[in-house]
Amino acid sequence: MANGAVRSRSVGSAGRYLLTCGTIYRHAWDDRPAEAMLVDNGRISWSGARGEAPAADRVIDLGGGTVLPGMTDAHVHLLAVGQARQQVSAIAPDIRSRDDYLQRLTSTSQGMPAGAWLFGGDVNEQLWPEKRMPDRAALDAAMPDRPVLLRRFCGHVAMLNSAALQALNLNAESAGTAGVELDRDGGAPTGIARERAAEFVFRAAPRPPDRQIARATRQVINDLSRLGVTAAVDAAVGFTFGFEPEWNFWQLLHEEGDLPLRLGFMAQIDPATAKALSLAPVRDPWWQLCTLKIFVDGIIGARTAAMSRRYHDTDGSGYLMHEPAEIRKFVQAGHDQGWQIAAHAIGDLAIDAIMDAIAAAQSGRSRNGLRHRIEHFGLPDPSAFRRAADLGVLVATQPSFISRMGDSWPIALGDRHHRCFPARSLIEAGLCLAGSSDAPTGELSPWAGIQSFVTRRAASGQPSGPHEALSVRQAIHAYTSGGAIAMGHDAWRGTLHTGMAADFALLDRDPLSCSVDDLASITARLTVADGWAMHDPDGIL
């Protein structure tokens, strides 16, 4: 399998040009922003007062607009967002209950060919008065004659009707074999599949044609560019359809070119599989595969995140997806092969387990310049902050989870909910915090994430851990410099200092002076990467 990296073709114009008459924040802490900035051959060659600007081939008047370094989404599922957009969404103004959604599914199915699969997504039962996911019985009552497969918005839970279970050969006898353990009631599958069972279901079900997936994924990438994003990390290649078909798909999309983002990828495979596939870490400014992904535990919503205390509303406390020895083996082998490790870890037991593994991998060995990552860092023990900092761990967190899930955390966690998904404590401990969306689970827009970092408001308006709130500047830093650090790009990208890559966005308003309530609606008038216009609907550049 090829590792080759081909630079994305530019879609705008470049050269030596001067941006002037603007407010140009060279970094999040810039309290004396520049009025003008010179771009030369894809790099920042000067910034300062307008009257001191050097000569340039072209001068672009910003009309008082605000420029920031390009945003990085350090953890997003680009393919999954595209796929979700093609499914029957459970999020709509007129869907207020489980029955409303079942009716939407039924009406959609009536226009489909007989026997065709019906796919739905964005299911969040916590938004409905029933607080229950559609199970096999409910789906059978609504649509008994075709396979139906729904995805919870988190991506860790699947819902199936009897026709789908039968099509996948999952029944009372087969469920539980080959690691496919379905929820059951009296021995019969309920149609709810969690974690590894959900992963099996999603991979086994029919998938759309590659060209359809490509169109949808490209649209997601373009949407990020419209928001001022210049780089993103697809956080689990293999999560939806398996690694090889997904990586082949990405290679195809890459060869087509014209991708407006610098892309990084996490491979959801173990080091032995990477070696068998002749994969080795590849670092390219536009296309890098240098990270292996491991899921250490599950999620709070499914009660599968591994906790040291039981959940507030159940007798369970979640579980580790792998034995501690297996986690250590994964991290050790990946570290020795030169891979960055990114570990999904939400519960305190999972966070401790991955830090034990990282510490063991680093013990008596060179760190090889590697900074391993913990994704989510959802409910750490208070001692975990300092330990993570000592290990040089990078943390990517998802602030829009607060608005999407915050109202459900007190139900699941009781008095622990205010400690969920910390941010300020990470910074105060000296950790690098990278902002991200984890879309489709979270909001795709970095500005929705920045707003959630600052307000810590759940959907109801109630505060969730207000002591963990960030300033706007801290939040912007997480999405600019923090994201660049997480991708290993901080030596040449993430700020607009002289010599750095010309990755920046001209915004429709100034996030440092606008109302906090307006942050989530910010978009980019112009997005530039490597000096080239990637999003420029008005022909500014």
Protein backbone atom coordinates (compact mmCIF):
# COMPACT_ATOMS: atom_id res chain seq x y z
CA MET A 1 0.00 0.00 0.00
CA ALA A 2 1.54 3.28 -1.09
CA ASN A 3 2.59 5.95 1.37
CA GLY A 4 3.17 8.55 -1.36
CA ALA A 5 2.22 12.13 -0.61
CA VAL A 6 1.16 14.49 -3.38
CA ARG A 7 0.67 18.17 -2.65
CA SER A 8 -2.89 19.38 -3.05
CA ARG A 9 -3.32 21.58 -6.12
CA SER A 10 -3.97 25.20 -5.32
CA VAL A 11 -7.35 26.66 -6.14
CA GLY A 12 -6.55 30.38 -5.91
CA SER A 13 -3.79 32.86 -6.74
CA ALA A 14 -0.52 33.55 -4.94
CA GLY A 15 2.63 35.65 -5.36
CA ARG A 16 3.99 38.61 -3.43
CA TYR A 17 1.04 40.57 -2.11
CA LEU A 18 0.27 42.98 0.69
CA LEU A 19 -2.82 42.81 2.86
CA THR A 20 -3.59 46.24 4.30
CA CYS A 21 -6.19 48.28 6.17
CA GLY A 22 -7.07 45.40 8.48
CA THR A 23 -6.78 44.11 12.03
CA ILE A 24 -4.28 41.25 11.78
CA TYR A 25 -3.82 39.15 14.89
CA ARG A 26 -0.55 37.29 14.43
CA HIS A 27 -1.41 34.97 17.29
CA ALA A 28 -4.09 34.63 19.94
CA TRP A 29 -2.27 36.85 22.45
CA ASP A 30 -1.48 39.66 20.01
CA ASP A 31 -2.59 42.85 21.80
CA ARG A 32 -0.98 45.11 19.18
CA PRO A 33 -2.35 43.64 15.95
CA ALA A 34 -0.77 44.59 12.65
CA GLU A 35 -2.51 46.81 10.11
CA ALA A 36 -0.76 45.19 7.16
CA MET A 37 0.95 41.91 6.28
CA LEU A 38 3.18 40.92 3.36
CA VAL A 39 2.94 37.42 1.89
CA ASP A 40 5.78 36.24 -0.34
CA ASN A 41 6.01 32.76 -1.86
CA GLY A 42 3.58 31.27 0.63
CA ARG A 43 5.27 32.72 3.73
CA ILE A 44 4.73 35.73 5.96
CA SER A 45 7.63 38.05 5.18
CA TRP A 46 6.56 41.14 7.14
CA SER A 47 3.76 42.57 9.29
CA GLY A 48 3.28 45.90 10.99
CA ALA A 49 1.91 49.41 10.56
CA ARG A 50 0.29 50.25 7.23
CA GLY A 51 2.50 53.29 6.67
CA GLU A 52 5.66 51.18 6.98
CA ALA A 53 4.63 48.46 4.55
CA PRO A 54 7.17 47.35 1.92
CA ALA A 55 6.40 47.26 -1.78
CA ALA A 56 4.42 44.37 -3.22
CA ASP A 57 3.17 43.13 -6.59
CA ARG A 58 -0.42 43.54 -5.45
CA VAL A 59 -2.18 45.33 -2.60
CA ILE A 60 -5.38 43.92 -1.13
CA ASP A 61 -7.50 46.31 0.92
CA LEU A 62 -9.10 44.40 3.79
CA GLY A 63 -11.57 47.19 4.46
CA GLY A 64 -11.00 47.02 8.20
CA GLY A 65 -11.55 43.25 8.30
CA THR A 66 -10.09 40.89 10.88
CA VAL A 67 -7.41 38.31 10.07
CA LEU A 68 -6.43 35.37 12.28
CA PRO A 69 -4.11 32.39 11.76
CA GLY A 70 -5.88 29.49 10.07
CA MET A 71 -7.83 27.18 12.34
CA THR A 72 -7.01 23.50 12.84
CA ASP A 73 -9.63 20.89 13.66
CA ALA A 74 -7.40 18.44 15.51
CA HIS A 75 -9.99 15.64 15.68
CA VAL A 76 -12.79 15.25 13.14
CA HIS A 77 -14.31 12.36 11.18
CA LEU A 78 -14.57 13.82 7.70
CA LEU A 79 -15.85 10.72 5.96
CA ALA A 80 -18.37 10.05 8.73
CA VAL A 81 -19.73 13.62 8.52
CA GLY A 82 -20.26 13.16 4.80
CA GLN A 83 -21.96 9.84 5.38
CA ALA A 84 -24.19 11.27 8.12
CA ARG A 85 -25.41 13.97 5.75
CA GLN A 86 -26.77 11.27 3.46
CA GLN A 87 -28.76 9.57 6.22
CA VAL A 88 -32.17 10.43 7.66
CA SER A 89 -31.22 12.83 10.44
CA ALA A 90 -32.90 12.77 13.83
CA ILE A 91 -32.12 16.47 14.22
CA ALA A 92 -34.82 18.72 12.78
CA PRO A 93 -37.14 21.39 14.23
CA ASP A 94 -40.17 19.13 13.82
CA ILE A 95 -38.54 16.06 15.41
CA ARG A 96 -39.20 16.43 19.12
CA SER A 97 -39.69 12.81 20.17
CA ARG A 98 -38.82 9.25 19.30
CA ASP A 99 -42.22 8.83 17.63
CA ASP A 100 -41.59 11.91 15.48
CA TYR A 101 -38.35 10.38 14.25
CA LEU A 102 -39.96 7.00 13.57
CA GLN A 103 -42.60 8.78 11.51
CA ARG A 104 -39.88 10.59 9.53
CA LEU A 105 -38.14 7.29 8.87
CA THR A 106 -41.40 5.67 7.77
CA SER A 107 -42.30 8.47 5.38
CA THR A 108 -38.79 8.40 3.88
CA SER A 109 -38.94 4.65 3.38
CA GLN A 110 -42.15 4.87 1.38
CA GLY A 111 -40.33 6.35 -1.59
CA MET A 112 -37.55 3.73 -1.58
CA PRO A 113 -37.24 0.50 -3.60
CA ALA A 114 -38.53 -2.61 -1.86
CA GLY A 115 -35.93 -4.25 0.36
CA ALA A 116 -33.46 -1.34 0.18
CA TRP A 117 -31.63 -0.49 3.39
CA LEU A 118 -32.73 2.64 5.23
CA PHE A 119 -30.00 4.47 7.12
CA GLY A 120 -30.57 7.06 9.83
CA GLY A 121 -28.27 9.08 12.05
CA ASP A 122 -27.78 11.86 14.60
CA VAL A 123 -29.91 9.95 17.14
CA ASN A 124 -29.69 11.55 20.59
CA GLU A 125 -32.35 10.06 22.81
CA GLN A 126 -31.51 12.51 25.59
CA LEU A 127 -33.23 15.24 23.56
CA TRP A 128 -36.52 13.33 23.54
CA PRO A 129 -39.02 13.03 26.41
CA GLU A 130 -38.87 9.22 26.17
CA LYS A 131 -35.07 9.20 26.73
CA ARG A 132 -35.01 5.91 24.79
CA MET A 133 -33.35 4.93 21.54
CA PRO A 134 -35.47 3.25 18.85
CA ASP A 135 -34.94 -0.48 19.48
CA ARG A 136 -35.77 -3.53 17.38
CA ALA A 137 -39.40 -3.65 18.53
CA ALA A 138 -40.03 0.03 17.73
CA LEU A 139 -38.32 -0.20 14.34
CA ASP A 140 -40.14 -3.42 13.45
CA ALA A 141 -43.49 -1.84 14.25
CA ALA A 142 -42.71 1.09 11.96
CA MET A 143 -40.78 -0.62 9.15
CA PRO A 144 -40.91 -4.43 9.24
CA ASP A 145 -40.21 -5.03 5.55
CA ARG A 146 -36.77 -3.50 4.98
CA PRO A 147 -33.45 -3.44 6.85
CA VAL A 148 -33.10 -0.33 9.02
CA LEU A 149 -29.82 0.77 10.61
CA LEU A 150 -29.52 3.90 12.75
CA ARG A 151 -26.40 5.50 14.19
CA ARG A 152 -26.38 7.31 17.51
CA PHE A 153 -24.77 10.72 17.11
CA CYS A 154 -21.71 9.55 19.06
CA GLY A 155 -20.97 6.80 16.52
CA HIS A 156 -20.55 4.21 19.29
CA VAL A 157 -24.09 2.78 19.23
CA ALA A 158 -26.14 1.22 16.42
CA MET A 159 -29.88 0.47 16.31
CA LEU A 160 -31.25 -2.25 14.02
CA ASN A 161 -34.60 -3.80 13.19
CA SER A 162 -35.16 -7.53 12.71
CA ALA A 163 -34.65 -7.36 8.95
CA ALA A 164 -31.22 -5.75 9.43
CA LEU A 165 -30.25 -8.27 12.11
CA GLN A 166 -31.26 -11.09 9.78
CA ALA A 167 -29.39 -9.59 6.83
CA LEU A 168 -26.23 -9.45 8.95
CA ASN A 169 -26.87 -12.95 10.35
CA LEU A 170 -27.17 -11.64 13.89
CA ASN A 171 -29.69 -13.55 15.97
CA ALA A 172 -30.04 -15.05 19.43
CA GLU A 173 -27.59 -17.81 18.55
CA SER A 174 -24.97 -15.82 16.63
CA ALA A 175 -24.95 -12.66 18.76
CA GLY A 176 -22.05 -12.89 21.15
CA THR A 177 -19.78 -14.80 18.79
CA ALA A 178 -16.71 -13.24 17.20
CA GLY A 179 -16.85 -10.42 19.74
CA VAL A 180 -20.26 -9.20 18.55
CA GLU A 181 -22.13 -8.82 21.82
CA LEU A 182 -25.55 -7.22 21.35
CA ASP A 183 -27.85 -5.93 24.05
CA ARG A 184 -30.40 -8.63 24.84
CA ASP A 185 -33.76 -9.04 26.50
CA GLY A 186 -34.54 -12.60 27.55
CA GLY A 187 -31.81 -13.86 25.22
CA ALA A 188 -33.13 -12.12 22.11
CA PRO A 189 -31.22 -9.17 20.63
CA THR A 190 -32.90 -5.85 21.41
CA GLY A 191 -31.47 -4.31 18.25
CA ILE A 192 -29.06 -2.11 20.23
CA ALA A 193 -25.36 -2.67 19.49
CA ARG A 194 -22.62 -0.85 21.40
CA GLU A 195 -18.89 -0.30 20.83
CA ARG A 196 -17.31 -3.32 19.07
CA ALA A 197 -20.72 -4.72 18.16
CA ALA A 198 -21.67 -1.36 16.63
CA GLU A 199 -18.34 -1.25 14.79
CA PHE A 200 -19.05 -4.70 13.33
CA VAL A 201 -22.55 -3.67 12.24
CA PHE A 202 -21.44 -0.45 10.54
CA ARG A 203 -18.67 -2.24 8.65
CA ALA A 204 -20.85 -5.19 7.63
CA ALA A 205 -23.78 -3.13 6.33
CA PRO A 206 -23.88 -2.05 2.67
CA ARG A 207 -22.04 1.19 1.96
CA PRO A 208 -22.60 3.86 -0.66
CA PRO A 209 -20.56 3.91 -3.90
CA ASP A 210 -17.08 5.43 -3.55
CA ARG A 211 -17.93 8.38 -5.81
CA GLN A 212 -20.91 9.25 -3.63
CA ILE A 213 -18.73 9.10 -0.52
CA ALA A 214 -16.09 11.21 -2.26
CA ARG A 215 -18.55 13.95 -3.19
CA ALA A 216 -19.95 14.10 0.33
CA THR A 217 -16.51 14.10 1.98
CA ARG A 218 -15.17 16.79 -0.34
CA GLN A 219 -18.16 18.96 0.57
CA VAL A 220 -17.32 18.59 4.27
CA ILE A 221 -13.71 19.62 3.59
CA ASN A 222 -14.90 22.65 1.63
CA ASP A 223 -17.28 23.58 4.45
CA LEU A 224 -14.38 23.63 6.90
CA SER A 225 -12.46 25.94 4.58
CA ARG A 226 -15.45 28.32 4.56
CA LEU A 227 -15.14 28.50 8.34
CA GLY A 228 -11.48 29.56 8.27
CA VAL A 229 -10.02 26.09 8.83
CA THR A 230 -6.75 25.39 7.01
CA ALA A 231 -5.86 21.99 8.52
CA ALA A 232 -7.71 19.00 9.93
CA VAL A 233 -7.01 15.53 11.29
CA ASP A 234 -9.31 12.66 10.33
CA ALA A 235 -9.31 10.96 13.69
CA ALA A 236 -9.91 7.30 12.85
CA VAL A 237 -9.37 6.01 9.32
CA GLY A 238 -11.15 2.67 9.52
CA PHE A 239 -13.82 3.63 12.06
CA THR A 240 -16.68 3.50 9.54
CA PHE A 241 -15.84 0.89 6.88
CA GLY A 242 -12.49 -0.57 7.98
CA PHE A 243 -8.99 0.76 7.40
CA GLU A 244 -8.06 -0.58 3.96
CA PRO A 245 -11.20 0.51 2.07
CA GLU A 246 -11.15 3.90 3.78
CA TRP A 247 -7.45 4.51 3.18
CA ASN A 248 -7.80 3.48 -0.47
CA PHE A 249 -10.69 5.93 -0.71
CA TRP A 250 -8.57 8.72 0.78
CA GLN A 251 -5.72 7.95 -1.62
CA LEU A 252 -8.19 8.25 -4.50
CA LEU A 253 -9.50 11.58 -3.24
CA HIS A 254 -5.95 12.81 -2.77
CA GLU A 255 -4.96 11.91 -6.32
CA GLU A 256 -7.91 13.94 -7.61
CA GLY A 257 -6.35 16.96 -5.86
CA ASP A 258 -7.82 20.40 -5.16
CA LEU A 259 -8.20 19.70 -1.44
CA PRO A 260 -8.17 23.05 0.39
CA LEU A 261 -6.92 21.72 3.75
CA ARG A 262 -3.69 20.33 5.11
CA LEU A 263 -4.81 16.85 6.14
CA GLY A 264 -3.54 14.50 8.81
CA PHE A 265 -4.80 10.99 9.46
CA MET A 266 -5.01 8.60 12.40
CA ALA A 267 -5.02 4.96 11.30
CA GLN A 268 -7.32 2.80 13.40
CA ILE A 269 -5.04 -0.23 13.20
CA ASP A 270 -2.46 -1.75 15.50
CA PRO A 271 1.30 -1.50 14.89
CA ALA A 272 1.51 -5.11 13.65
CA THR A 273 -1.13 -4.43 11.00
CA ALA A 274 0.62 -1.22 9.97
CA LYS A 275 3.83 -3.18 9.51
CA ALA A 276 2.06 -5.92 7.53
CA LEU A 277 0.61 -3.25 5.22
CA SER A 278 4.09 -1.72 4.75
CA LEU A 279 2.91 1.51 6.31
CA ALA A 280 5.40 3.83 7.93
CA PRO A 281 4.91 7.33 9.32
CA VAL A 282 4.69 9.96 6.56
CA ARG A 283 4.99 13.67 7.31
CA ASP A 284 4.15 16.04 4.49
CA PRO A 285 2.92 19.63 4.92
CA TRP A 286 -0.30 18.75 3.08
CA TRP A 287 -0.78 15.05 3.73
CA GLN A 288 0.47 13.15 6.74
CA LEU A 289 -0.15 9.73 8.19
CA CYS A 290 1.93 9.51 11.34
CA THR A 291 -0.57 8.45 14.03
CA LEU A 292 -2.08 5.16 15.16
CA LYS A 293 -5.42 5.28 16.99
CA ILE A 294 -6.52 3.07 19.88
CA PHE A 295 -9.86 3.15 21.67
CA VAL A 296 -9.14 2.57 25.35
CA ASP A 297 -12.76 2.86 26.49
CA GLY A 298 -16.19 3.91 25.27
CA ILE A 299 -18.38 6.94 25.95
CA ILE A 300 -20.46 8.41 28.74
CA GLY A 301 -23.71 8.35 26.76
CA ALA A 302 -23.54 4.57 26.28
CA ARG A 303 -22.22 4.13 29.86
CA THR A 304 -19.13 2.44 28.40
CA ALA A 305 -16.47 5.00 29.42
CA ALA A 306 -14.30 3.30 32.04
CA MET A 307 -14.81 4.91 35.45
CA SER A 308 -13.42 4.17 38.91
CA ARG A 309 -16.90 4.85 40.33
CA ARG A 310 -20.15 3.49 38.96
CA TYR A 311 -22.44 5.67 36.94
CA HIS A 312 -25.03 7.68 38.83
CA ASP A 313 -28.00 5.98 37.12
CA THR A 314 -26.74 2.41 36.62
CA ASP A 315 -24.84 -0.29 38.49
CA GLY A 316 -22.11 -0.32 35.87
CA SER A 317 -18.90 1.68 35.65
CA GLY A 318 -17.98 1.11 32.01
CA TYR A 319 -15.02 -0.92 30.85
CA LEU A 320 -11.67 -0.85 29.10
CA MET A 321 -11.79 -1.92 25.45
CA HIS A 322 -8.46 -3.74 25.89
CA GLU A 323 -6.61 -5.32 28.78
CA PRO A 324 -3.92 -3.05 30.27
CA ALA A 325 -1.19 -5.36 28.96
CA GLU A 326 -2.61 -5.08 25.43
CA ILE A 327 -2.67 -1.28 25.70
CA ARG A 328 0.96 -1.24 26.81
CA LYS A 329 1.94 -3.56 23.95
CA PHE A 330 0.17 -1.34 21.39
CA VAL A 331 1.80 1.86 22.64
CA GLN A 332 5.24 0.29 23.02
CA ALA A 333 5.27 -1.18 19.52
CA GLY A 334 3.93 2.00 17.95
CA HIS A 335 6.42 4.17 19.83
CA ASP A 336 9.33 1.95 18.77
CA GLN A 337 8.20 2.13 15.12
CA GLY A 338 8.08 5.93 15.23
CA TRP A 339 4.30 6.35 15.32
CA GLN A 340 2.52 8.96 17.35
CA ILE A 341 -0.18 7.25 19.43
CA ALA A 342 -3.61 8.84 19.79
CA ALA A 343 -5.76 7.23 22.45
CA HIS A 344 -9.49 7.69 22.89
CA ALA A 345 -9.82 7.86 26.68
CA ILE A 346 -12.79 9.41 28.48
CA GLY A 347 -13.15 7.77 31.89
CA ASP A 348 -10.54 8.19 34.62
CA LEU A 349 -9.59 4.49 34.49
CA ALA A 350 -8.97 4.74 30.75
CA ILE A 351 -6.93 7.92 31.12
CA ASP A 352 -4.78 6.30 33.80
CA ALA A 353 -4.36 3.14 31.69
CA ILE A 354 -3.10 5.00 28.63
CA MET A 355 -0.76 7.15 30.72
CA ASP A 356 0.65 3.97 32.29
CA ALA A 357 1.31 2.68 28.77
CA ILE A 358 2.92 5.91 27.59
CA ALA A 359 5.13 6.04 30.69
CA ALA A 360 6.24 2.45 30.09
CA ALA A 361 7.03 3.18 26.42
CA GLN A 362 9.13 6.19 27.38
CA SER A 363 10.90 4.50 30.30
CA GLY A 364 14.60 4.15 29.57
CA ARG A 365 14.07 5.04 25.91
CA SER A 366 14.27 8.12 23.78
CA ARG A 367 10.97 9.86 23.17
CA ASN A 368 11.98 9.93 19.48
CA GLY A 369 10.57 13.43 19.26
CA LEU A 370 7.12 11.89 19.67
CA ARG A 371 4.37 13.55 21.64
CA HIS A 372 1.55 11.10 22.10
CA ARG A 373 -2.05 12.26 22.29
CA ILE A 374 -5.04 11.61 24.51
CA GLU A 375 -8.32 12.30 22.75
CA HIS A 376 -11.18 13.65 24.90
CA PHE A 377 -9.64 13.43 28.42
CA GLY A 378 -13.26 13.43 29.57
CA LEU A 379 -13.27 12.84 33.32
CA PRO A 380 -9.70 12.62 34.60
CA ASP A 381 -8.65 12.07 38.17
CA PRO A 382 -7.28 15.38 39.54
CA SER A 383 -3.80 13.85 39.65
CA ALA A 384 -3.89 13.14 35.91
CA PHE A 385 -3.22 16.72 34.79
CA ARG A 386 0.27 16.98 36.22
CA ARG A 387 1.17 13.45 35.17
CA ALA A 388 0.05 14.07 31.59
CA ALA A 389 2.13 17.26 31.48
CA ASP A 390 5.19 15.40 32.77
CA LEU A 391 4.75 12.79 30.02
CA GLY A 392 4.55 15.49 27.35
CA VAL A 393 1.08 14.33 26.36
CA LEU A 394 -1.02 16.42 23.97
CA VAL A 395 -4.75 16.65 24.70
CA ALA A 396 -7.42 17.17 22.04
CA THR A 397 -10.78 18.00 23.53
CA GLN A 398 -14.17 18.81 22.03
CA PRO A 399 -15.86 21.83 23.63
CA SER A 400 -19.08 21.57 21.63
CA PHE A 401 -19.78 18.34 23.52
CA ILE A 402 -20.81 20.66 26.35
CA SER A 403 -23.69 22.13 24.36
CA ARG A 404 -24.65 18.80 22.81
CA MET A 405 -24.31 16.53 25.84
CA GLY A 406 -23.92 18.69 28.92
CA ASP A 407 -27.55 18.36 30.01
CA SER A 408 -27.20 14.56 30.16
CA TRP A 409 -24.01 14.48 32.24
CA PRO A 410 -25.69 15.08 35.63
CA ILE A 411 -27.93 12.07 34.93
CA ALA A 412 -24.94 9.86 34.15
CA LEU A 413 -22.36 11.26 36.56
CA GLY A 414 -24.17 12.91 39.45
CA ASP A 415 -21.96 15.39 41.29
CA ARG A 416 -18.99 14.59 39.02
CA HIS A 417 -20.56 16.26 35.98
CA HIS A 418 -18.97 19.67 36.62
CA ARG A 419 -15.52 18.08 36.13
CA CYS A 420 -16.45 16.66 32.73
CA PHE A 421 -14.33 17.67 29.72
CA PRO A 422 -12.02 20.13 31.48
CA ALA A 423 -10.17 22.90 29.66
CA ARG A 424 -8.79 25.55 32.02
CA SER A 425 -7.28 22.90 34.30
CA LEU A 426 -5.37 21.47 31.34
CA ILE A 427 -3.84 24.84 30.52
CA GLU A 428 -3.03 25.60 34.15
CA ALA A 429 -1.20 22.26 34.40
CA GLY A 430 0.98 23.23 31.43
CA LEU A 431 -0.60 20.85 28.93
CA CYS A 432 -1.01 21.64 25.25
CA LEU A 433 -4.74 21.89 24.55
CA ALA A 434 -5.90 21.40 20.95
CA GLY A 435 -9.45 22.33 20.05
CA SER A 436 -11.47 20.02 17.85
CA SER A 437 -15.00 19.11 16.80
CA ASP A 438 -15.15 15.30 16.67
CA ALA A 439 -17.91 15.93 14.12
CA PRO A 440 -20.37 14.40 13.45
CA THR A 441 -20.58 13.90 17.23
CA GLY A 442 -19.78 17.56 17.88
CA GLU A 443 -20.43 20.75 15.91
CA LEU A 444 -18.27 21.02 12.79
CA SER A 445 -17.61 24.76 13.17
CA PRO A 446 -14.55 25.71 15.25
CA TRP A 447 -16.45 28.86 16.20
CA ALA A 448 -19.17 26.80 17.88
CA GLY A 449 -16.35 25.11 19.78
CA ILE A 450 -14.76 28.42 20.74
CA GLN A 451 -18.12 29.67 21.99
CA SER A 452 -18.56 26.52 24.11
CA PHE A 453 -15.04 26.86 25.51
CA VAL A 454 -15.97 30.35 26.69
CA THR A 455 -19.56 29.90 27.88
CA ARG A 456 -19.58 26.25 29.07
CA ARG A 457 -23.35 26.30 28.44
CA ALA A 458 -25.38 23.16 27.81
CA ALA A 459 -28.26 23.24 25.32
CA SER A 460 -30.67 24.17 28.12
CA GLY A 461 -28.56 27.21 28.95
CA GLN A 462 -27.38 25.70 32.21
CA PRO A 463 -23.65 26.05 32.98
CA SER A 464 -21.53 22.90 32.93
CA GLY A 465 -18.29 23.24 34.83
CA PRO A 466 -18.09 27.04 34.61
CA HIS A 467 -14.76 27.00 36.48
CA GLU A 468 -13.27 25.33 33.38
CA ALA A 469 -14.27 28.18 31.03
CA LEU A 470 -11.61 29.79 28.84
CA SER A 471 -11.13 33.33 27.64
CA VAL A 472 -11.74 33.96 23.94
CA ARG A 473 -7.98 34.29 23.43
CA GLN A 474 -7.30 30.97 25.15
CA ALA A 475 -9.95 29.31 23.01
CA ILE A 476 -8.53 30.76 19.79
CA HIS A 477 -5.06 29.60 20.82
CA ALA A 478 -6.37 26.04 21.20
CA TYR A 479 -7.65 26.07 17.62
CA THR A 480 -4.63 27.81 16.07
CA SER A 481 -1.31 27.17 17.83
CA GLY A 482 -2.69 24.22 19.79
CA GLY A 483 -3.87 22.47 16.65
CA ALA A 484 -0.56 23.08 14.89
CA ILE A 485 1.32 21.59 17.85
CA ALA A 486 -0.95 18.54 17.83
CA MET A 487 -0.04 17.93 14.17
CA GLY A 488 3.67 18.60 14.74
CA HIS A 489 3.49 21.75 12.58
CA ASP A 490 4.21 24.39 15.21
CA ALA A 491 7.71 25.19 13.91
CA TRP A 492 6.24 26.57 10.67
CA ARG A 493 2.48 27.03 11.07
CA GLY A 494 -0.06 28.24 13.64
CA THR A 495 0.95 31.90 13.98
CA LEU A 496 1.49 34.73 11.49
CA HIS A 497 5.00 35.65 12.59
CA THR A 498 7.61 36.40 9.95
CA GLY A 499 8.78 33.19 8.27
CA MET A 500 5.66 31.20 9.10
CA ALA A 501 3.36 29.67 6.49
CA ALA A 502 0.73 32.05 5.13
CA ASP A 503 -2.22 30.12 6.52
CA PHE A 504 -4.86 32.61 7.60
CA ALA A 505 -8.51 33.60 7.43
CA LEU A 506 -10.24 36.94 6.89
CA LEU A 507 -13.33 36.74 9.10
CA ASP A 508 -16.74 38.35 8.83
CA ARG A 509 -16.29 39.86 12.31
CA ASP A 510 -13.70 40.27 15.06
CA PRO A 511 -14.04 37.44 17.63
CA LEU A 512 -12.19 39.51 20.22
CA SER A 513 -14.73 42.33 20.13
CA CYS A 514 -18.02 40.74 19.06
CA SER A 515 -20.61 39.41 21.50
CA VAL A 516 -19.91 35.94 22.86
CA ASP A 517 -23.36 34.97 21.60
CA ASP A 518 -22.22 35.77 18.05
CA LEU A 519 -19.07 33.65 18.11
CA ALA A 520 -20.70 30.47 16.82
CA SER A 521 -21.95 32.17 13.65
CA ILE A 522 -18.55 33.48 12.49
CA THR A 523 -17.53 32.51 8.96
CA ALA A 524 -14.58 33.34 6.72
CA ARG A 525 -14.72 35.80 3.82
CA LEU A 526 -11.35 34.49 2.67
CA THR A 527 -9.33 31.43 3.69
CA VAL A 528 -5.69 31.12 2.61
CA ALA A 529 -3.24 28.23 2.96
CA ASP A 530 0.39 28.42 1.83
CA GLY A 531 -0.41 31.82 0.37
CA TRP A 532 -3.13 30.47 -1.94
CA ALA A 533 -6.80 31.34 -1.69
CA MET A 534 -8.72 28.18 -0.79
CA HIS A 535 -12.04 29.88 -0.11
CA ASP A 536 -12.59 33.23 -1.81
CA PRO A 537 -16.22 33.65 -2.94
CA ASP A 538 -15.88 37.42 -3.43
CA GLY A 539 -12.60 37.31 -5.35
CA ILE A 540 -10.71 39.26 -2.67
CA LEU A 541 -7.36 37.66 -3.52
